[in-house]
Amino acid sequence: MHRTYRHRMKIYRSGLHLAVTFMLIVAPFLFLLFFAQIERLAISTLFHDVFVSVIRLFIAFLIAAFLAWVLAIMFYKGHRSHAVLPIFDILNSFPSFAILPLAIQYWGQTNLTVIFFLVLTIIWPILFSVVSSLKLARHDWEEATEIYHLSGWAYFKNFIWPLSIPGLVTGSIIGLGEGWGALVATEIIVSLPGGLGKFFQGHAENTRVTIFGILALLIIVFSVNKLIWTPLLDASHRQMEE
């Protein structure tokens, strides 16, 4: 325990580790500043479009992750899973863009329409990843819960939650990957003010701006994955091994 603690502290005090972390944090901002300078774009407008899109995606992710996790722990096993999981599989295969016109008709050209569609895009990878994690529980773990008569909060804290974390993280990586693409397309279709969709649509005829915009988006996604999701994924795998 003491050795592990010292080892982790040594890693976090590493100059290379700190330098890489710092570069991952500032790289998107530096590239956006460079992008705006080269193409003579308004920096405030560019940052505003990125911020608006990130907020929309973040809200949709929180909703999708919560709903997916709750549905997964409700239906991952038992007789209900045999009836409900095939329905989820059908819904996952259904083309989500077919629902978008109905959402626009019901909610109009609003943030709610975009968030609703993003939830439909992100929820399924998370749900099925959490279900897979729970189904792969080792038999001796299940026996331990029966031996110690775990139930209620203790059952959730010591069994359900630790087992669902790897699936939650893996599904989030996949879901957000799909969510970024759906975000831009949905913002263009819905024609909302602000956001990356508006930016790409407004510069569709300028190939160089479009390419720089795509590179900026890739850098943002890469930095988020390396700073947040990769450490969480490694931590969840270590927890499962322990």
C-alpha atoms as a PDB file:
ATOM      1  CA  MET A   1       0.000   0.000   0.000  1.00  0.00           C
ATOM      2  CA  HIS A   2       2.726   2.441   1.031  1.00  0.00           C
ATOM      3  CA  ARG A   3       4.858   1.451  -1.954  1.00  0.00           C
ATOM      4  CA  THR A   4       1.946   1.908  -4.344  1.00  0.00           C
ATOM      5  CA  TYR A   5       1.215   5.346  -2.913  1.00  0.00           C
ATOM      6  CA  ARG A   6       4.839   6.423  -3.295  1.00  0.00           C
ATOM      7  CA  HIS A   7       4.910   5.066  -6.847  1.00  0.00           C
ATOM      8  CA  ARG A   8       1.832   7.054  -7.840  1.00  0.00           C
ATOM      9  CA  MET A   9       3.183  10.194  -6.224  1.00  0.00           C
ATOM     10  CA  LYS A  10       6.431   9.762  -8.155  1.00  0.00           C
ATOM     11  CA  ILE A  11       4.503   9.527 -11.416  1.00  0.00           C
ATOM     12  CA  TYR A  12       2.485  12.652 -10.703  1.00  0.00           C
ATOM     13  CA  ARG A  13       5.639  14.555  -9.787  1.00  0.00           C
ATOM     14  CA  SER A  14       7.284  13.589 -13.061  1.00  0.00           C
ATOM     15  CA  GLY A  15       8.187  16.618 -15.141  1.00  0.00           C
ATOM     16  CA  LEU A  16       7.335  14.810 -18.374  1.00  0.00           C
ATOM     17  CA  HIS A  17       3.925  13.788 -17.057  1.00  0.00           C
ATOM     18  CA  LEU A  18       3.125  17.337 -15.993  1.00  0.00           C
ATOM     19  CA  ALA A  19       4.351  18.744 -19.297  1.00  0.00           C
ATOM     20  CA  VAL A  20       2.203  16.350 -21.331  1.00  0.00           C
ATOM     21  CA  THR A  21      -0.826  17.057 -19.152  1.00  0.00           C
ATOM     22  CA  PHE A  22      -0.313  20.794 -19.502  1.00  0.00           C
ATOM     23  CA  MET A  23       0.015  20.521 -23.282  1.00  0.00           C
ATOM     24  CA  LEU A  24      -3.164  18.471 -23.529  1.00  0.00           C
ATOM     25  CA  ILE A  25      -5.013  21.157 -21.581  1.00  0.00           C
ATOM     26  CA  VAL A  26      -3.750  24.150 -23.533  1.00  0.00           C
ATOM     27  CA  ALA A  27      -3.454  22.552 -27.002  1.00  0.00           C
ATOM     28  CA  PRO A  28      -7.124  23.085 -27.997  1.00  0.00           C
ATOM     29  CA  PHE A  29      -7.034  26.721 -26.869  1.00  0.00           C
ATOM     30  CA  LEU A  30      -3.749  27.425 -28.631  1.00  0.00           C
ATOM     31  CA  PHE A  31      -4.962  25.836 -31.845  1.00  0.00           C
ATOM     32  CA  LEU A  32      -8.221  27.795 -31.756  1.00  0.00           C
ATOM     33  CA  LEU A  33      -6.250  31.025 -31.271  1.00  0.00           C
ATOM     34  CA  PHE A  34      -3.950  30.076 -34.144  1.00  0.00           C
ATOM     35  CA  PHE A  35      -6.955  29.116 -36.268  1.00  0.00           C
ATOM     36  CA  ALA A  36      -8.705  32.423 -35.620  1.00  0.00           C
ATOM     37  CA  GLN A  37      -5.529  34.404 -36.344  1.00  0.00           C
ATOM     38  CA  ILE A  38      -4.702  32.612 -39.613  1.00  0.00           C
ATOM     39  CA  GLU A  39      -8.239  32.765 -41.002  1.00  0.00           C
ATOM     40  CA  ARG A  40      -8.999  36.191 -39.510  1.00  0.00           C
ATOM     41  CA  LEU A  41     -11.999  34.949 -37.563  1.00  0.00           C
ATOM     42  CA  ALA A  42     -13.486  36.633 -34.505  1.00  0.00           C
ATOM     43  CA  ILE A  43     -11.933  34.829 -31.544  1.00  0.00           C
ATOM     44  CA  SER A  44     -14.929  35.486 -29.300  1.00  0.00           C
ATOM     45  CA  THR A  45     -17.342  34.029 -31.883  1.00  0.00           C
ATOM     46  CA  LEU A  46     -15.186  30.942 -32.446  1.00  0.00           C
ATOM     47  CA  PHE A  47     -14.851  30.208 -28.735  1.00  0.00           C
ATOM     48  CA  HIS A  48     -18.570  30.862 -28.249  1.00  0.00           C
ATOM     49  CA  ASP A  49     -19.515  28.329 -30.935  1.00  0.00           C
ATOM     50  CA  VAL A  50     -17.251  25.699 -29.383  1.00  0.00           C
ATOM     51  CA  PHE A  51     -18.531  26.412 -25.868  1.00  0.00           C
ATOM     52  CA  VAL A  52     -22.201  26.230 -26.901  1.00  0.00           C
ATOM     53  CA  SER A  53     -21.730  22.885 -28.648  1.00  0.00           C
ATOM     54  CA  VAL A  54     -19.742  21.429 -25.728  1.00  0.00           C
ATOM     55  CA  ILE A  55     -22.484  22.452 -23.282  1.00  0.00           C
ATOM     56  CA  ARG A  56     -25.185  20.851 -25.428  1.00  0.00           C
ATOM     57  CA  LEU A  57     -23.198  17.632 -25.700  1.00  0.00           C
ATOM     58  CA  PHE A  58     -22.323  17.625 -21.985  1.00  0.00           C
ATOM     59  CA  ILE A  59     -25.969  17.994 -20.905  1.00  0.00           C
ATOM     60  CA  ALA A  60     -27.040  15.252 -23.300  1.00  0.00           C
ATOM     61  CA  PHE A  61     -24.262  12.980 -22.047  1.00  0.00           C
ATOM     62  CA  LEU A  62     -25.248  13.398 -18.397  1.00  0.00           C
ATOM     63  CA  ILE A  63     -28.868  12.553 -19.187  1.00  0.00           C
ATOM     64  CA  ALA A  64     -27.948   9.597 -21.410  1.00  0.00           C
ATOM     65  CA  ALA A  65     -25.401   8.176 -18.948  1.00  0.00           C
ATOM     66  CA  PHE A  66     -27.837   8.332 -16.039  1.00  0.00           C
ATOM     67  CA  LEU A  67     -30.729   6.778 -17.972  1.00  0.00           C
ATOM     68  CA  ALA A  68     -28.490   4.095 -19.496  1.00  0.00           C
ATOM     69  CA  TRP A  69     -27.033   3.127 -16.131  1.00  0.00           C
ATOM     70  CA  VAL A  70     -30.435   2.930 -14.433  1.00  0.00           C
ATOM     71  CA  LEU A  71     -31.943   0.861 -17.271  1.00  0.00           C
ATOM     72  CA  ALA A  72     -28.901  -1.434 -17.314  1.00  0.00           C
ATOM     73  CA  ILE A  73     -29.034  -2.307 -13.610  1.00  0.00           C
ATOM     74  CA  MET A  74     -32.814  -2.819 -13.854  1.00  0.00           C
ATOM     75  CA  PHE A  75     -32.751  -5.213 -16.800  1.00  0.00           C
ATOM     76  CA  TYR A  76     -29.301  -6.824 -16.991  1.00  0.00           C
ATOM     77  CA  LYS A  77     -30.474 -10.159 -15.585  1.00  0.00           C
ATOM     78  CA  GLY A  78     -33.599 -12.140 -14.775  1.00  0.00           C
ATOM     79  CA  HIS A  79     -36.716 -12.840 -16.792  1.00  0.00           C
ATOM     80  CA  ARG A  80     -37.192  -9.153 -17.551  1.00  0.00           C
ATOM     81  CA  SER A  81     -33.867  -9.002 -19.398  1.00  0.00           C
ATOM     82  CA  HIS A  82     -35.034 -11.628 -21.913  1.00  0.00           C
ATOM     83  CA  ALA A  83     -38.001  -9.433 -22.820  1.00  0.00           C
ATOM     84  CA  VAL A  84     -36.531  -5.944 -22.546  1.00  0.00           C
ATOM     85  CA  LEU A  85     -32.970  -6.244 -23.905  1.00  0.00           C
ATOM     86  CA  PRO A  86     -34.130  -7.359 -27.388  1.00  0.00           C
ATOM     87  CA  ILE A  87     -36.362  -4.270 -27.478  1.00  0.00           C
ATOM     88  CA  PHE A  88     -33.371  -2.085 -26.595  1.00  0.00           C
ATOM     89  CA  ASP A  89     -31.392  -3.820 -29.341  1.00  0.00           C
ATOM     90  CA  ILE A  90     -34.106  -2.978 -31.886  1.00  0.00           C
ATOM     91  CA  LEU A  91     -34.208   0.641 -30.728  1.00  0.00           C
ATOM     92  CA  ASN A  92     -30.421   0.801 -31.013  1.00  0.00           C
ATOM     93  CA  SER A  93     -30.631  -0.384 -34.640  1.00  0.00           C
ATOM     94  CA  PHE A  94     -33.384   2.087 -35.505  1.00  0.00           C
ATOM     95  CA  PRO A  95     -32.085   5.088 -37.517  1.00  0.00           C
ATOM     96  CA  SER A  96     -32.260   7.968 -35.063  1.00  0.00           C
ATOM     97  CA  PHE A  97     -32.338  10.640 -37.767  1.00  0.00           C
ATOM     98  CA  ALA A  98     -35.793   9.377 -38.735  1.00  0.00           C
ATOM     99  CA  ILE A  99     -37.057  10.734 -35.394  1.00  0.00           C
ATOM    100  CA  LEU A 100     -35.428  14.144 -35.798  1.00  0.00           C
ATOM    101  CA  PRO A 101     -38.183  15.680 -37.988  1.00  0.00           C
ATOM    102  CA  LEU A 102     -40.779  14.653 -35.393  1.00  0.00           C
ATOM    103  CA  ALA A 103     -38.680  16.201 -32.624  1.00  0.00           C
ATOM    104  CA  ILE A 104     -38.366  19.446 -34.608  1.00  0.00           C
ATOM    105  CA  GLN A 105     -42.111  19.485 -35.186  1.00  0.00           C
ATOM    106  CA  TYR A 106     -42.836  18.900 -31.494  1.00  0.00           C
ATOM    107  CA  TRP A 107     -40.169  21.087 -29.830  1.00  0.00           C
ATOM    108  CA  GLY A 108     -39.236  23.344 -32.728  1.00  0.00           C
ATOM    109  CA  GLN A 109     -35.738  24.573 -33.549  1.00  0.00           C
ATOM    110  CA  THR A 110     -34.560  24.596 -29.947  1.00  0.00           C
ATOM    111  CA  ASN A 111     -31.749  23.281 -27.777  1.00  0.00           C
ATOM    112  CA  LEU A 112     -34.148  20.680 -26.414  1.00  0.00           C
ATOM    113  CA  THR A 113     -34.443  19.113 -29.866  1.00  0.00           C
ATOM    114  CA  VAL A 114     -30.672  18.831 -30.232  1.00  0.00           C
ATOM    115  CA  ILE A 115     -30.196  17.471 -26.707  1.00  0.00           C
ATOM    116  CA  PHE A 116     -33.006  14.937 -27.176  1.00  0.00           C
ATOM    117  CA  PHE A 117     -31.427  13.613 -30.360  1.00  0.00           C
ATOM    118  CA  LEU A 118     -27.976  13.452 -28.779  1.00  0.00           C
ATOM    119  CA  VAL A 119     -29.378  11.464 -25.855  1.00  0.00           C
ATOM    120  CA  LEU A 120     -30.778   8.929 -28.338  1.00  0.00           C
ATOM    121  CA  THR A 121     -27.346   8.697 -29.950  1.00  0.00           C
ATOM    122  CA  ILE A 122     -25.253   8.381 -26.791  1.00  0.00           C
ATOM    123  CA  ILE A 123     -27.464   6.213 -24.580  1.00  0.00           C
ATOM    124  CA  TRP A 124     -27.190   2.858 -26.366  1.00  0.00           C
ATOM    125  CA  PRO A 125     -23.405   2.283 -26.277  1.00  0.00           C
ATOM    126  CA  ILE A 126     -23.414   3.134 -22.568  1.00  0.00           C
ATOM    127  CA  LEU A 127     -26.390   0.921 -21.792  1.00  0.00           C
ATOM    128  CA  PHE A 128     -25.054  -2.167 -23.550  1.00  0.00           C
ATOM    129  CA  SER A 129     -21.538  -1.650 -22.156  1.00  0.00           C
ATOM    130  CA  VAL A 130     -22.860  -1.489 -18.595  1.00  0.00           C
ATOM    131  CA  VAL A 131     -25.036  -4.544 -19.209  1.00  0.00           C
ATOM    132  CA  SER A 132     -21.983  -6.443 -20.498  1.00  0.00           C
ATOM    133  CA  SER A 133     -19.945  -5.434 -17.436  1.00  0.00           C
ATOM    134  CA  LEU A 134     -22.652  -6.607 -15.058  1.00  0.00           C
ATOM    135  CA  LYS A 135     -23.162  -9.871 -16.935  1.00  0.00           C
ATOM    136  CA  LEU A 136     -19.435 -10.640 -16.798  1.00  0.00           C
ATOM    137  CA  ALA A 137     -19.408 -10.618 -12.998  1.00  0.00           C
ATOM    138  CA  ARG A 138     -17.369 -13.481 -11.633  1.00  0.00           C
ATOM    139  CA  HIS A 139     -19.375 -16.264 -10.033  1.00  0.00           C
ATOM    140  CA  ASP A 140     -17.442 -16.050  -6.753  1.00  0.00           C
ATOM    141  CA  TRP A 141     -18.415 -12.374  -6.449  1.00  0.00           C
ATOM    142  CA  GLU A 142     -22.077 -13.278  -6.752  1.00  0.00           C
ATOM    143  CA  GLU A 143     -21.614 -16.013  -4.169  1.00  0.00           C
ATOM    144  CA  ALA A 144     -19.967 -13.506  -1.832  1.00  0.00           C
ATOM    145  CA  THR A 145     -22.993 -11.218  -2.004  1.00  0.00           C
ATOM    146  CA  GLU A 146     -25.220 -14.140  -1.039  1.00  0.00           C
ATOM    147  CA  ILE A 147     -22.922 -15.305   1.776  1.00  0.00           C
ATOM    148  CA  TYR A 148     -22.719 -11.844   3.341  1.00  0.00           C
ATOM    149  CA  HIS A 149     -26.406 -11.183   2.621  1.00  0.00           C
ATOM    150  CA  LEU A 150     -25.694  -7.926   0.848  1.00  0.00           C
ATOM    151  CA  SER A 151     -28.778  -5.940   0.007  1.00  0.00           C
ATOM    152  CA  GLY A 152     -29.918  -2.385  -0.431  1.00  0.00           C
ATOM    153  CA  TRP A 153     -27.180   0.225  -0.226  1.00  0.00           C
ATOM    154  CA  ALA A 154     -24.454  -2.291   0.669  1.00  0.00           C
ATOM    155  CA  TYR A 155     -25.296  -4.384  -2.409  1.00  0.00           C
ATOM    156  CA  PHE A 156     -25.214  -1.295  -4.607  1.00  0.00           C
ATOM    157  CA  LYS A 157     -21.984   0.090  -3.131  1.00  0.00           C
ATOM    158  CA  ASN A 158     -19.956  -3.135  -3.048  1.00  0.00           C
ATOM    159  CA  PHE A 159     -21.290  -5.011  -6.073  1.00  0.00           C
ATOM    160  CA  ILE A 160     -23.391  -3.101  -8.616  1.00  0.00           C
ATOM    161  CA  TRP A 161     -21.460   0.172  -8.704  1.00  0.00           C
ATOM    162  CA  PRO A 162     -17.883  -1.244  -8.947  1.00  0.00           C
ATOM    163  CA  LEU A 163     -18.936  -3.722 -11.626  1.00  0.00           C
ATOM    164  CA  SER A 164     -20.725  -1.116 -13.720  1.00  0.00           C
ATOM    165  CA  ILE A 165     -17.873   1.441 -13.775  1.00  0.00           C
ATOM    166  CA  PRO A 166     -15.797  -0.183 -16.584  1.00  0.00           C
ATOM    167  CA  GLY A 167     -18.860  -0.458 -18.810  1.00  0.00           C
ATOM    168  CA  LEU A 168     -19.912   3.074 -17.953  1.00  0.00           C
ATOM    169  CA  VAL A 169     -16.510   4.463 -18.920  1.00  0.00           C
ATOM    170  CA  THR A 170     -16.132   2.355 -22.080  1.00  0.00           C
ATOM    171  CA  GLY A 171     -19.662   3.122 -23.212  1.00  0.00           C
ATOM    172  CA  SER A 172     -19.127   6.821 -22.546  1.00  0.00           C
ATOM    173  CA  ILE A 173     -16.058   6.875 -24.795  1.00  0.00           C
ATOM    174  CA  ILE A 174     -17.972   5.196 -27.624  1.00  0.00           C
ATOM    175  CA  GLY A 175     -21.154   7.193 -27.058  1.00  0.00           C
ATOM    176  CA  LEU A 176     -19.384  10.556 -26.987  1.00  0.00           C
ATOM    177  CA  GLY A 177     -17.456   9.595 -30.123  1.00  0.00           C
ATOM    178  CA  GLU A 178     -20.761   9.117 -31.910  1.00  0.00           C
ATOM    179  CA  GLY A 179     -22.208  12.138 -30.148  1.00  0.00           C
ATOM    180  CA  TRP A 180     -19.631  14.559 -31.582  1.00  0.00           C
ATOM    181  CA  GLY A 181     -20.549  13.613 -35.140  1.00  0.00           C
ATOM    182  CA  ALA A 182     -24.272  13.694 -34.434  1.00  0.00           C
ATOM    183  CA  LEU A 183     -23.891  17.055 -32.695  1.00  0.00           C
ATOM    184  CA  VAL A 184     -22.583  18.904 -35.749  1.00  0.00           C
ATOM    185  CA  ALA A 185     -25.085  17.258 -38.101  1.00  0.00           C
ATOM    186  CA  THR A 186     -28.028  17.934 -35.796  1.00  0.00           C
ATOM    187  CA  GLU A 187     -27.081  21.574 -35.250  1.00  0.00           C
ATOM    188  CA  ILE A 188     -26.966  22.048 -39.029  1.00  0.00           C
ATOM    189  CA  ILE A 189     -30.350  20.371 -39.571  1.00  0.00           C
ATOM    190  CA  VAL A 190     -32.060  22.169 -36.695  1.00  0.00           C
ATOM    191  CA  SER A 191     -30.385  25.477 -37.677  1.00  0.00           C
ATOM    192  CA  LEU A 192     -29.743  26.689 -34.152  1.00  0.00           C
ATOM    193  CA  PRO A 193     -27.884  29.945 -33.541  1.00  0.00           C
ATOM    194  CA  GLY A 194     -24.364  29.317 -32.296  1.00  0.00           C
ATOM    195  CA  GLY A 195     -22.504  26.051 -32.190  1.00  0.00           C
ATOM    196  CA  LEU A 196     -20.146  24.108 -34.411  1.00  0.00           C
ATOM    197  CA  GLY A 197     -22.932  23.241 -36.799  1.00  0.00           C
ATOM    198  CA  LYS A 198     -23.531  26.904 -37.537  1.00  0.00           C
ATOM    199  CA  PHE A 199     -19.781  27.447 -37.906  1.00  0.00           C
ATOM    200  CA  PHE A 200     -19.278  24.647 -40.436  1.00  0.00           C
ATOM    201  CA  GLN A 201     -22.432  25.579 -42.317  1.00  0.00           C
ATOM    202  CA  GLY A 202     -21.370  29.225 -42.508  1.00  0.00           C
ATOM    203  CA  HIS A 203     -17.942  28.311 -43.922  1.00  0.00           C
ATOM    204  CA  ALA A 204     -18.998  25.373 -46.100  1.00  0.00           C
ATOM    205  CA  GLU A 205     -17.583  26.983 -49.245  1.00  0.00           C
ATOM    206  CA  ASN A 206     -14.201  27.698 -47.656  1.00  0.00           C
ATOM    207  CA  THR A 207     -12.278  24.424 -47.795  1.00  0.00           C
ATOM    208  CA  ARG A 208      -9.322  25.647 -45.723  1.00  0.00           C
ATOM    209  CA  VAL A 209     -11.536  26.906 -42.871  1.00  0.00           C
ATOM    210  CA  THR A 210     -13.448  23.636 -42.918  1.00  0.00           C
ATOM    211  CA  ILE A 211     -10.237  21.604 -42.702  1.00  0.00           C
ATOM    212  CA  PHE A 212      -8.919  23.755 -39.839  1.00  0.00           C
ATOM    213  CA  GLY A 213     -12.290  23.384 -38.099  1.00  0.00           C
ATOM    214  CA  ILE A 214     -12.145  19.605 -38.380  1.00  0.00           C
ATOM    215  CA  LEU A 215      -8.583  19.582 -37.018  1.00  0.00           C
ATOM    216  CA  ALA A 216      -9.652  21.758 -34.085  1.00  0.00           C
ATOM    217  CA  LEU A 217     -12.520  19.375 -33.317  1.00  0.00           C
ATOM    218  CA  LEU A 218     -10.191  16.361 -33.477  1.00  0.00           C
ATOM    219  CA  ILE A 219      -7.726  18.034 -31.098  1.00  0.00           C
ATOM    220  CA  ILE A 220     -10.513  18.807 -28.624  1.00  0.00           C
ATOM    221  CA  VAL A 221     -11.810  15.218 -28.719  1.00  0.00           C
ATOM    222  CA  PHE A 222      -8.289  13.797 -28.426  1.00  0.00           C
ATOM    223  CA  SER A 223      -7.429  16.006 -25.437  1.00  0.00           C
ATOM    224  CA  VAL A 224     -10.658  15.141 -23.629  1.00  0.00           C
ATOM    225  CA  ASN A 225     -10.075  11.425 -24.176  1.00  0.00           C
ATOM    226  CA  LYS A 226      -6.480  11.572 -22.935  1.00  0.00           C
ATOM    227  CA  LEU A 227      -7.176  13.827 -19.954  1.00  0.00           C
ATOM    228  CA  ILE A 228     -10.427  12.282 -18.720  1.00  0.00           C
ATOM    229  CA  TRP A 229     -11.459   8.987 -20.267  1.00  0.00           C
ATOM    230  CA  THR A 230      -8.126   7.174 -20.578  1.00  0.00           C
ATOM    231  CA  PRO A 231      -7.232   7.641 -16.863  1.00  0.00           C
ATOM    232  CA  LEU A 232     -10.768   6.648 -15.843  1.00  0.00           C
ATOM    233  CA  LEU A 233     -10.600   3.547 -18.020  1.00  0.00           C
ATOM    234  CA  ASP A 234      -7.226   2.515 -16.569  1.00  0.00           C
ATOM    235  CA  ALA A 235      -8.474   3.148 -13.019  1.00  0.00           C
ATOM    236  CA  SER A 236     -11.614   1.062 -13.590  1.00  0.00           C
ATOM    237  CA  HIS A 237      -9.581  -1.849 -14.968  1.00  0.00           C
ATOM    238  CA  ARG A 238      -7.207  -1.714 -11.983  1.00  0.00           C
ATOM    239  CA  GLN A 239     -10.182  -1.742  -9.640  1.00  0.00           C
ATOM    240  CA  MET A 240     -11.609  -4.834 -11.333  1.00  0.00           C
ATOM    241  CA  GLU A 241      -8.247  -6.628 -11.111  1.00  0.00           C
ATOM    242  CA  GLU A 242      -8.024  -5.894  -7.372  1.00  0.00           C
END
